[in-house]
Structure formats: structure tokens, C-alpha cells
PDB file of N, CA and C in Angstrom:
ATOM      1  N   UNK A   1     115.363 109.716 189.442  1.00  0.00           N
ATOM      2  CA  UNK A   1     115.512 108.317 189.782  1.00  0.00           C
ATOM      3  C   UNK A   1     116.316 107.615 188.696  1.00  0.00           C
ATOM      4  N   UNK A   2     117.130 106.672 189.087  1.00  0.00           N
ATOM      5  CA  UNK A   2     117.867 105.902 188.081  1.00  0.00           C
ATOM      6  C   UNK A   2     116.925 105.044 187.242  1.00  0.00           C
ATOM      7  N   UNK A   3     117.403 104.723 186.055  1.00  0.00           N
ATOM      8  CA  UNK A   3     116.586 103.947 185.122  1.00  0.00           C
ATOM      9  C   UNK A   3     116.229 102.573 185.684  1.00  0.00           C
ATOM     10  N   UNK A   4     117.145 101.974 186.439  1.00  0.00           N
ATOM     11  CA  UNK A   4     116.869 100.654 187.007  1.00  0.00           C
ATOM     12  C   UNK A   4     115.703 100.699 187.982  1.00  0.00           C
ATOM     13  N   UNK A   5     115.660 101.753 188.786  1.00  0.00           N
ATOM     14  CA  UNK A   5     114.572 101.884 189.762  1.00  0.00           C
ATOM     15  C   UNK A   5     113.245 102.088 189.040  1.00  0.00           C
ATOM     16  N   UNK A   6     113.253 102.898 187.990  1.00  0.00           N
ATOM     17  CA  UNK A   6     112.029 103.121 187.230  1.00  0.00           C
ATOM     18  C   UNK A   6     111.553 101.846 186.544  1.00  0.00           C
ATOM     19  N   UNK A   7     112.481 101.082 185.999  1.00  0.00           N
ATOM     20  CA  UNK A   7     112.112  99.816 185.357  1.00  0.00           C
ATOM     21  C   UNK A   7     111.563  98.827 186.374  1.00  0.00           C
ATOM     22  N   UNK A   8     112.182  98.783 187.555  1.00  0.00           N
ATOM     23  CA  UNK A   8     111.703  97.885 188.610  1.00  0.00           C
ATOM     24  C   UNK A   8     110.316  98.306 189.081  1.00  0.00           C
ATOM     25  N   UNK A   9     110.116  99.606 189.229  1.00  0.00           N
ATOM     26  CA  UNK A   9     108.806 100.116 189.647  1.00  0.00           C
ATOM     27  C   UNK A   9     107.744  99.762 188.596  1.00  0.00           C
ATOM     28  N   UNK A  10     108.076  99.961 187.333  1.00  0.00           N
ATOM     29  CA  UNK A  10     107.136  99.639 186.252  1.00  0.00           C
ATOM     30  C   UNK A  10     106.810  98.149 186.250  1.00  0.00           C
ATOM     31  N   UNK A  11     107.811  97.318 186.429  1.00  0.00           N
ATOM     32  CA  UNK A  11     107.597  95.875 186.471  1.00  0.00           C
ATOM     33  C   UNK A  11     106.709  95.482 187.649  1.00  0.00           C
ATOM     34  N   UNK A  12     106.935  96.083 188.806  1.00  0.00           N
ATOM     35  CA  UNK A  12     106.115  95.761 189.973  1.00  0.00           C
ATOM     36  C   UNK A  12     104.664  96.202 189.787  1.00  0.00           C
ATOM     37  N   UNK A  13     104.462  97.376 189.198  1.00  0.00           N
ATOM     38  CA  UNK A  13     103.096  97.858 188.970  1.00  0.00           C
ATOM     39  C   UNK A  13     102.381  96.971 187.955  1.00  0.00           C
ATOM     40  N   UNK A  14     103.062  96.608 186.881  1.00  0.00           N
ATOM     41  CA  UNK A  14     102.438  95.729 185.882  1.00  0.00           C
ATOM     42  C   UNK A  14     102.151  94.349 186.464  1.00  0.00           C
ATOM     43  N   UNK A  15     103.077  93.834 187.268  1.00  0.00           N
ATOM     44  CA  UNK A  15     102.857  92.526 187.898  1.00  0.00           C
ATOM     45  C   UNK A  15     101.673  92.572 188.847  1.00  0.00           C
ATOM     46  N   UNK A  16     101.592  93.623 189.644  1.00  0.00           N
ATOM     47  CA  UNK A  16     100.459  93.765 190.564  1.00  0.00           C
ATOM     48  C   UNK A  16      99.157  93.915 189.782  1.00  0.00           C
ATOM     49  N   UNK A  17      99.200  94.651 188.685  1.00  0.00           N
ATOM     50  CA  UNK A  17      98.007  94.811 187.861  1.00  0.00           C
ATOM     51  C   UNK A  17      97.507  93.484 187.327  1.00  0.00           C
ATOM     52  N   UNK A  18      98.424  92.689 186.788  1.00  0.00           N
ATOM     53  CA  UNK A  18      98.008  91.388 186.258  1.00  0.00           C
ATOM     54  C   UNK A  18      97.561  90.452 187.373  1.00  0.00           C
ATOM     55  N   UNK A  19      98.174  90.551 188.545  1.00  0.00           N
ATOM     56  CA  UNK A  19      97.753  89.732 189.685  1.00  0.00           C
ATOM     57  C   UNK A  19      96.315  90.079 190.072  1.00  0.00           C
ATOM     58  N   UNK A  20      95.992  91.374 190.133  1.00  0.00           N
ATOM     59  CA  UNK A  20      94.632  91.771 190.457  1.00  0.00           C
ATOM     60  C   UNK A  20      93.642  91.344 189.373  1.00  0.00           C
ATOM     61  N   UNK A  21      94.054  91.406 188.120  1.00  0.00           N
ATOM     62  CA  UNK A  21      93.165  90.941 187.043  1.00  0.00           C
ATOM     63  C   UNK A  21      92.896  89.447 187.206  1.00  0.00           C
ATOM     64  N   UNK A  22      93.936  88.683 187.496  1.00  0.00           N
ATOM     65  CA  UNK A  22      93.768  87.241 187.710  1.00  0.00           C
ATOM     66  C   UNK A  22      92.844  86.969 188.894  1.00  0.00           C
ATOM     67  N   UNK A  23      93.057  87.690 189.998  1.00  0.00           N
ATOM     68  CA  UNK A  23      92.173  87.524 191.150  1.00  0.00           C
ATOM     69  C   UNK A  23      90.736  87.932 190.805  1.00  0.00           C
ATOM     70  N   UNK A  24      90.603  88.951 189.971  1.00  0.00           N
ATOM     71  CA  UNK A  24      89.271  89.386 189.552  1.00  0.00           C
ATOM     72  C   UNK A  24      88.552  88.338 188.734  1.00  0.00           C
ATOM     73  N   UNK A  25      89.277  87.705 187.821  1.00  0.00           N
ATOM     74  CA  UNK A  25      88.664  86.634 187.019  1.00  0.00           C
ATOM     75  C   UNK A  25      88.270  85.470 187.924  1.00  0.00           C
ATOM     76  N   UNK A  26      89.147  85.112 188.856  1.00  0.00           N
ATOM     77  CA  UNK A  26      88.792  84.054 189.810  1.00  0.00           C
ATOM     78  C   UNK A  26      87.592  84.474 190.653  1.00  0.00           C
ATOM     79  N   UNK A  27      87.557  85.748 191.021  1.00  0.00           N
ATOM     80  CA  UNK A  27      86.467  86.251 191.846  1.00  0.00           C
ATOM     81  C   UNK A  27      85.123  86.243 191.148  1.00  0.00           C
ATOM     82  N   UNK A  28      85.124  86.221 189.831  1.00  0.00           N
ATOM     83  CA  UNK A  28      83.854  86.125 189.117  1.00  0.00           C
ATOM     84  C   UNK A  28      83.193  84.762 189.323  1.00  0.00           C
ATOM     85  N   UNK A  29      84.007  83.760 189.641  1.00  0.00           N
ATOM     86  CA  UNK A  29      83.493  82.405 189.813  1.00  0.00           C
ATOM     87  C   UNK A  29      83.474  81.942 191.265  1.00  0.00           C
ATOM     88  N   UNK A  30      84.286  82.552 192.111  1.00  0.00           N
ATOM     89  CA  UNK A  30      84.343  82.169 193.522  1.00  0.00           C
ATOM     90  C   UNK A  30      83.571  83.193 194.353  1.00  0.00           C
ATOM     91  N   UNK A  31      82.695  82.734 195.227  1.00  0.00           N
ATOM     92  CA  UNK A  31      81.822  83.678 195.941  1.00  0.00           C
ATOM     93  C   UNK A  31      82.526  84.527 197.002  1.00  0.00           C
ATOM     94  N   UNK A  32      83.696  84.138 197.468  1.00  0.00           N
ATOM     95  CA  UNK A  32      84.340  84.878 198.553  1.00  0.00           C
ATOM     96  C   UNK A  32      85.312  85.959 198.061  1.00  0.00           C
ATOM     97  N   UNK A  33      85.510  86.085 196.764  1.00  0.00           N
ATOM     98  CA  UNK A  33      86.352  87.149 196.218  1.00  0.00           C
ATOM     99  C   UNK A  33      85.484  88.190 195.520  1.00  0.00           C
ATOM    100  N   UNK A  34      85.851  89.443 195.634  1.00  0.00           N
ATOM    101  CA  UNK A  34      85.146  90.527 194.955  1.00  0.00           C
ATOM    102  C   UNK A  34      85.734  90.691 193.562  1.00  0.00           C
ATOM    103  N   UNK A  35      85.210  89.949 192.604  1.00  0.00           N
ATOM    104  CA  UNK A  35      85.775  89.895 191.263  1.00  0.00           C
ATOM    105  C   UNK A  35      85.822  91.230 190.552  1.00  0.00           C
ATOM    106  N   UNK A  36      84.721  91.959 190.564  1.00  0.00           N
ATOM    107  CA  UNK A  36      84.657  93.230 189.842  1.00  0.00           C
ATOM    108  C   UNK A  36      85.638  94.230 190.437  1.00  0.00           C
ATOM    109  N   UNK A  37      85.700  94.292 191.753  1.00  0.00           N
ATOM    110  CA  UNK A  37      86.609  95.240 192.400  1.00  0.00           C
ATOM    111  C   UNK A  37      88.059  94.921 192.048  1.00  0.00           C
ATOM    112  N   UNK A  38      88.428  93.650 192.108  1.00  0.00           N
ATOM    113  CA  UNK A  38      89.802  93.274 191.755  1.00  0.00           C
ATOM    114  C   UNK A  38      90.110  93.567 190.290  1.00  0.00           C
ATOM    115  N   UNK A  39      89.143  93.331 189.423  1.00  0.00           N
ATOM    116  CA  UNK A  39      89.347  93.654 188.006  1.00  0.00           C
ATOM    117  C   UNK A  39      89.581  95.147 187.810  1.00  0.00           C
ATOM    118  N   UNK A  40      88.794  95.954 188.489  1.00  0.00           N
ATOM    119  CA  UNK A  40      88.945  97.403 188.340  1.00  0.00           C
ATOM    120  C   UNK A  40      90.295  97.887 188.880  1.00  0.00           C
ATOM    121  N   UNK A  41      90.719  97.343 190.003  1.00  0.00           N
ATOM    122  CA  UNK A  41      92.029  97.712 190.551  1.00  0.00           C
ATOM    123  C   UNK A  41      93.117  97.289 189.579  1.00  0.00           C
ATOM    124  N   UNK A  42      93.006  96.083 189.053  1.00  0.00           N
ATOM    125  CA  UNK A  42      93.998  95.594 188.101  1.00  0.00           C
ATOM    126  C   UNK A  42      94.072  96.441 186.853  1.00  0.00           C
ATOM    127  N   UNK A  43      92.908  96.799 186.305  1.00  0.00           N
ATOM    128  CA  UNK A  43      92.913  97.640 185.101  1.00  0.00           C
ATOM    129  C   UNK A  43      93.439  99.038 185.388  1.00  0.00           C
ATOM    130  N   UNK A  44      93.167  99.548 186.578  1.00  0.00           N
ATOM    131  CA  UNK A  44      93.724 100.858 186.927  1.00  0.00           C
ATOM    132  C   UNK A  44      95.249 100.787 186.967  1.00  0.00           C
ATOM    133  N   UNK A  45      95.784  99.768 187.631  1.00  0.00           N
ATOM    134  CA  UNK A  45      97.245  99.635 187.709  1.00  0.00           C
ATOM    135  C   UNK A  45      97.862  99.430 186.330  1.00  0.00           C
ATOM    136  N   UNK A  46      97.216  98.624 185.511  1.00  0.00           N
ATOM    137  CA  UNK A  46      97.735  98.407 184.162  1.00  0.00           C
ATOM    138  C   UNK A  46      97.660  99.679 183.327  1.00  0.00           C
ATOM    139  N   UNK A  47      96.623 100.483 183.558  1.00  0.00           N
ATOM    140  CA  UNK A  47      96.473 101.701 182.757  1.00  0.00           C
ATOM    141  C   UNK A  47      97.522 102.752 183.088  1.00  0.00           C
ATOM    142  N   UNK A  48      98.221 102.598 184.186  1.00  0.00           N
ATOM    143  CA  UNK A  48      99.298 103.535 184.509  1.00  0.00           C
ATOM    144  C   UNK A  48     100.432 103.450 183.495  1.00  0.00           C
ATOM    145  N   UNK A  49     100.628 102.273 182.892  1.00  0.00           N
ATOM    146  CA  UNK A  49     101.741 102.074 181.963  1.00  0.00           C
ATOM    147  C   UNK A  49     101.326 101.485 180.622  1.00  0.00           C
ATOM    148  N   UNK A  50     100.040 101.298 180.393  1.00  0.00           N
ATOM    149  CA  UNK A  50      99.588 100.683 179.153  1.00  0.00           C
ATOM    150  C   UNK A  50      98.534 101.558 178.487  1.00  0.00           C
ATOM    151  N   UNK A  51      98.803 101.956 177.254  1.00  0.00           N
ATOM    152  CA  UNK A  51      97.861 102.811 176.528  1.00  0.00           C
ATOM    153  C   UNK A  51      96.561 102.070 176.232  1.00  0.00           C
ATOM    154  N   UNK A  52      96.629 100.782 175.942  1.00  0.00           N
ATOM    155  CA  UNK A  52      95.419 100.006 175.658  1.00  0.00           C
ATOM    156  C   UNK A  52      94.514  99.904 176.872  1.00  0.00           C
ATOM    157  N   UNK A  53      95.101  99.634 178.019  1.00  0.00           N
ATOM    158  CA  UNK A  53      94.295  99.553 179.241  1.00  0.00           C
ATOM    159  C   UNK A  53      93.702 100.911 179.581  1.00  0.00           C
ATOM    160  N   UNK A  54      94.437 101.982 179.325  1.00  0.00           N
ATOM    161  CA  UNK A  54      93.943 103.338 179.568  1.00  0.00           C
ATOM    162  C   UNK A  54      92.739 103.624 178.663  1.00  0.00           C
ATOM    163  N   UNK A  55      92.827 103.232 177.389  1.00  0.00           N
ATOM    164  CA  UNK A  55      91.727 103.425 176.448  1.00  0.00           C
ATOM    165  C   UNK A  55      90.508 102.610 176.867  1.00  0.00           C
ATOM    166  N   UNK A  56      90.721 101.361 177.271  1.00  0.00           N
ATOM    167  CA  UNK A  56      89.622 100.524 177.734  1.00  0.00           C
ATOM    168  C   UNK A  56      88.958 101.133 178.957  1.00  0.00           C
ATOM    169  N   UNK A  57      89.739 101.659 179.870  1.00  0.00           N
ATOM    170  CA  UNK A  57      89.194 102.287 181.070  1.00  0.00           C
ATOM    171  C   UNK A  57      88.332 103.501 180.699  1.00  0.00           C
ATOM    172  N   UNK A  58      88.795 104.311 179.758  1.00  0.00           N
ATOM    173  CA  UNK A  58      88.012 105.482 179.330  1.00  0.00           C
ATOM    174  C   UNK A  58      86.697 105.072 178.664  1.00  0.00           C
ATOM    175  N   UNK A  59      86.749 104.061 177.825  1.00  0.00           N
ATOM    176  CA  UNK A  59      85.522 103.590 177.150  1.00  0.00           C
ATOM    177  C   UNK A  59      84.512 103.044 178.149  1.00  0.00           C
ATOM    178  N   UNK A  60      84.991 102.258 179.086  1.00  0.00           N
ATOM    179  CA  UNK A  60      84.092 101.698 180.097  1.00  0.00           C
ATOM    180  C   UNK A  60      83.502 102.796 180.970  1.00  0.00           C
ATOM    181  N   UNK A  61      84.290 103.818 181.230  1.00  0.00           N
ATOM    182  CA  UNK A  61      83.841 104.931 182.071  1.00  0.00           C
ATOM    183  C   UNK A  61      82.680 105.690 181.420  1.00  0.00           C
ATOM    184  N   UNK A  62      82.762 105.910 180.125  1.00  0.00           N
ATOM    185  CA  UNK A  62      81.682 106.641 179.455  1.00  0.00           C
ATOM    186  C   UNK A  62      80.469 105.750 179.205  1.00  0.00           C
ATOM    187  N   UNK A  63      80.702 104.484 178.953  1.00  0.00           N
ATOM    188  CA  UNK A  63      79.591 103.587 178.643  1.00  0.00           C
ATOM    189  C   UNK A  63      78.832 103.136 179.890  1.00  0.00           C
ATOM    190  N   UNK A  64      79.553 102.956 181.001  1.00  0.00           N
ATOM    191  CA  UNK A  64      78.949 102.480 182.247  1.00  0.00           C
ATOM    192  C   UNK A  64      79.286 103.432 183.389  1.00  0.00           C
ATOM    193  N   UNK A  65      78.534 104.505 183.544  1.00  0.00           N
ATOM    194  CA  UNK A  65      78.851 105.479 184.594  1.00  0.00           C
ATOM    195  C   UNK A  65      78.716 104.906 186.006  1.00  0.00           C
ATOM    196  N   UNK A  66      77.869 103.916 186.208  1.00  0.00           N
ATOM    197  CA  UNK A  66      77.749 103.290 187.527  1.00  0.00           C
ATOM    198  C   UNK A  66      79.020 102.557 187.913  1.00  0.00           C
ATOM    199  N   UNK A  67      79.623 101.936 186.930  1.00  0.00           N
ATOM    200  CA  UNK A  67      80.883 101.230 187.171  1.00  0.00           C
ATOM    201  C   UNK A  67      82.010 102.238 187.407  1.00  0.00           C
ATOM    202  N   UNK A  68      81.879 103.416 186.802  1.00  0.00           N
ATOM    203  CA  UNK A  68      82.915 104.442 186.958  1.00  0.00           C
ATOM    204  C   UNK A  68      83.067 104.847 188.417  1.00  0.00           C
ATOM    205  N   UNK A  69      81.961 104.907 189.147  1.00  0.00           N
ATOM    206  CA  UNK A  69      82.066 105.263 190.568  1.00  0.00           C
ATOM    207  C   UNK A  69      82.793 104.176 191.347  1.00  0.00           C
ATOM    208  N   UNK A  70      82.549 102.921 190.999  1.00  0.00           N
ATOM    209  CA  UNK A  70      83.287 101.821 191.658  1.00  0.00           C
ATOM    210  C   UNK A  70      84.748 101.849 191.266  1.00  0.00           C
ATOM    211  N   UNK A  71      85.023 102.265 190.034  1.00  0.00           N
ATOM    212  CA  UNK A  71      86.403 102.402 189.597  1.00  0.00           C
ATOM    213  C   UNK A  71      87.115 103.479 190.405  1.00  0.00           C
ATOM    214  N   UNK A  72      86.414 104.564 190.693  1.00  0.00           N
ATOM    215  CA  UNK A  72      86.997 105.613 191.517  1.00  0.00           C
ATOM    216  C   UNK A  72      87.306 105.098 192.923  1.00  0.00           C
ATOM    217  N   UNK A  73      86.418 104.281 193.465  1.00  0.00           N
ATOM    218  CA  UNK A  73      86.667 103.668 194.772  1.00  0.00           C
ATOM    219  C   UNK A  73      87.900 102.780 194.725  1.00  0.00           C
ATOM    220  N   UNK A  74      88.032 101.996 193.668  1.00  0.00           N
ATOM    221  CA  UNK A  74      89.186 101.107 193.522  1.00  0.00           C
ATOM    222  C   UNK A  74      90.467 101.919 193.378  1.00  0.00           C
ATOM    223  N   UNK A  75      90.396 103.015 192.647  1.00  0.00           N
ATOM    224  CA  UNK A  75      91.570 103.881 192.481  1.00  0.00           C
ATOM    225  C   UNK A  75      91.993 104.467 193.823  1.00  0.00           C
ATOM    226  N   UNK A  76      91.027 104.948 194.596  1.00  0.00           N
ATOM    227  CA  UNK A  76      91.343 105.499 195.912  1.00  0.00           C
ATOM    228  C   UNK A  76      91.969 104.446 196.809  1.00  0.00           C
ATOM    229  N   UNK A  77      91.430 103.226 196.769  1.00  0.00           N
ATOM    230  CA  UNK A  77      91.964 102.136 197.577  1.00  0.00           C
ATOM    231  C   UNK A  77      93.406 101.839 197.184  1.00  0.00           C
ATOM    232  N   UNK A  78      93.653 101.762 195.878  1.00  0.00           N
ATOM    233  CA  UNK A  78      95.004 101.453 195.403  1.00  0.00           C
ATOM    234  C   UNK A  78      95.977 102.571 195.775  1.00  0.00           C
ATOM    235  N   UNK A  79      95.545 103.811 195.671  1.00  0.00           N
ATOM    236  CA  UNK A  79      96.425 104.921 196.038  1.00  0.00           C
ATOM    237  C   UNK A  79      96.724 104.935 197.523  1.00  0.00           C
ATOM    238  N   UNK A  80      95.734 104.602 198.366  1.00  0.00           N
ATOM    239  CA  UNK A  80      95.983 104.521 199.815  1.00  0.00           C
ATOM    240  C   UNK A  80      96.986 103.420 200.129  1.00  0.00           C
ATOM    241  N   UNK A  81      96.807 102.265 199.506  1.00  0.00           N
ATOM    242  CA  UNK A  81      97.738 101.150 199.751  1.00  0.00           C
ATOM    243  C   UNK A  81      99.148 101.499 199.273  1.00  0.00           C
ATOM    244  N   UNK A  82      99.223 102.154 198.124  1.00  0.00           N
ATOM    245  CA  UNK A  82     100.517 102.528 197.579  1.00  0.00           C
ATOM    246  C   UNK A  82     101.223 103.522 198.506  1.00  0.00           C
ATOM    247  N   UNK A  83     100.475 104.483 199.032  1.00  0.00           N
ATOM    248  CA  UNK A  83     101.097 105.465 199.924  1.00  0.00           C
ATOM    249  C   UNK A  83     101.516 104.807 201.236  1.00  0.00           C
ATOM    250  N   UNK A  84     100.753 103.808 201.705  1.00  0.00           N
ATOM    251  CA  UNK A  84     101.156 103.076 202.895  1.00  0.00           C
ATOM    252  C   UNK A  84     102.448 102.309 202.660  1.00  0.00           C
ATOM    253  N   UNK A  85     102.560 101.690 201.488  1.00  0.00           N
ATOM    254  CA  UNK A  85     103.781 100.950 201.166  1.00  0.00           C
ATOM    255  C   UNK A  85     104.975 101.886 201.062  1.00  0.00           C
ATOM    256  N   UNK A  86     104.776 103.016 200.447  1.00  0.00           N
ATOM    257  CA  UNK A  86     105.875 103.993 200.308  1.00  0.00           C
ATOM    258  C   UNK A  86     106.271 104.542 201.671  1.00  0.00           C
ATOM    259  N   UNK A  87     105.300 104.709 202.570  1.00  0.00           N
ATOM    260  CA  UNK A  87     105.589 105.209 203.915  1.00  0.00           C
ATOM    261  C   UNK A  87     106.429 104.237 204.716  1.00  0.00           C
ATOM    262  N   UNK A  88     106.229 102.963 204.517  1.00  0.00           N
ATOM    263  CA  UNK A  88     107.008 101.946 205.225  1.00  0.00           C
ATOM    264  C   UNK A  88     108.437 101.861 204.721  1.00  0.00           C
ATOM    265  N   UNK A  89     108.646 102.185 203.453  1.00  0.00           N
ATOM    266  CA  UNK A  89     109.984 102.086 202.875  1.00  0.00           C
ATOM    267  C   UNK A  89     110.878 103.227 203.325  1.00  0.00           C
ATOM    268  N   UNK A  90     110.303 104.362 203.659  1.00  0.00           N
ATOM    269  CA  UNK A  90     111.114 105.530 204.001  1.00  0.00           C
ATOM    270  C   UNK A  90     111.532 105.549 205.435  1.00  0.00           C
TER     271      UNK A  90
END
């Protein structure tokens, strides 16, 4: 892939990650949003390109194994959505 496409992909993933983190923070205070789920999706997306987010995800996984299962659910959801988006582009 050309460097421009990789940079654009990285920018889109980071933007989506921060968007989910923002929605997650809002969801902690608003009853109709799933705050924890959005936070986990956001941190997963950020951890794809950020070493700090990856380290935080690993620490949370070992410290809170119950949350780790929800993180796995969020990862599966994000991967399904990503594959759906890629399928539409082709």
C-alpha cells in the first residue's frame, strides 16, 4: 500500500478511537449510551497504533479479568464492523 493510504488509514483509526472514547465518557453520565463498551472499543482502536494505549489495555486485562471479557466482545464488534466497511468498499 502507498504511504498516503497507510497514513489515511492510521488517521481514520485514531479518529474513530478518540470518537469512541468521547462517546464512552459521555455514556458514563448519560443513561442511553453504553459508556464502558464505547470506552473499550475506543481503547482497542487506539491500541492498534499507540503503545501507551496498548500497555493500558494489557494492565487492565490482568487487573480486571471480568472487564477483559467485555473487551473481547468490543474487539469482536469492532472487527465485524471493520470487515463490513471493507466489504462495501470493494
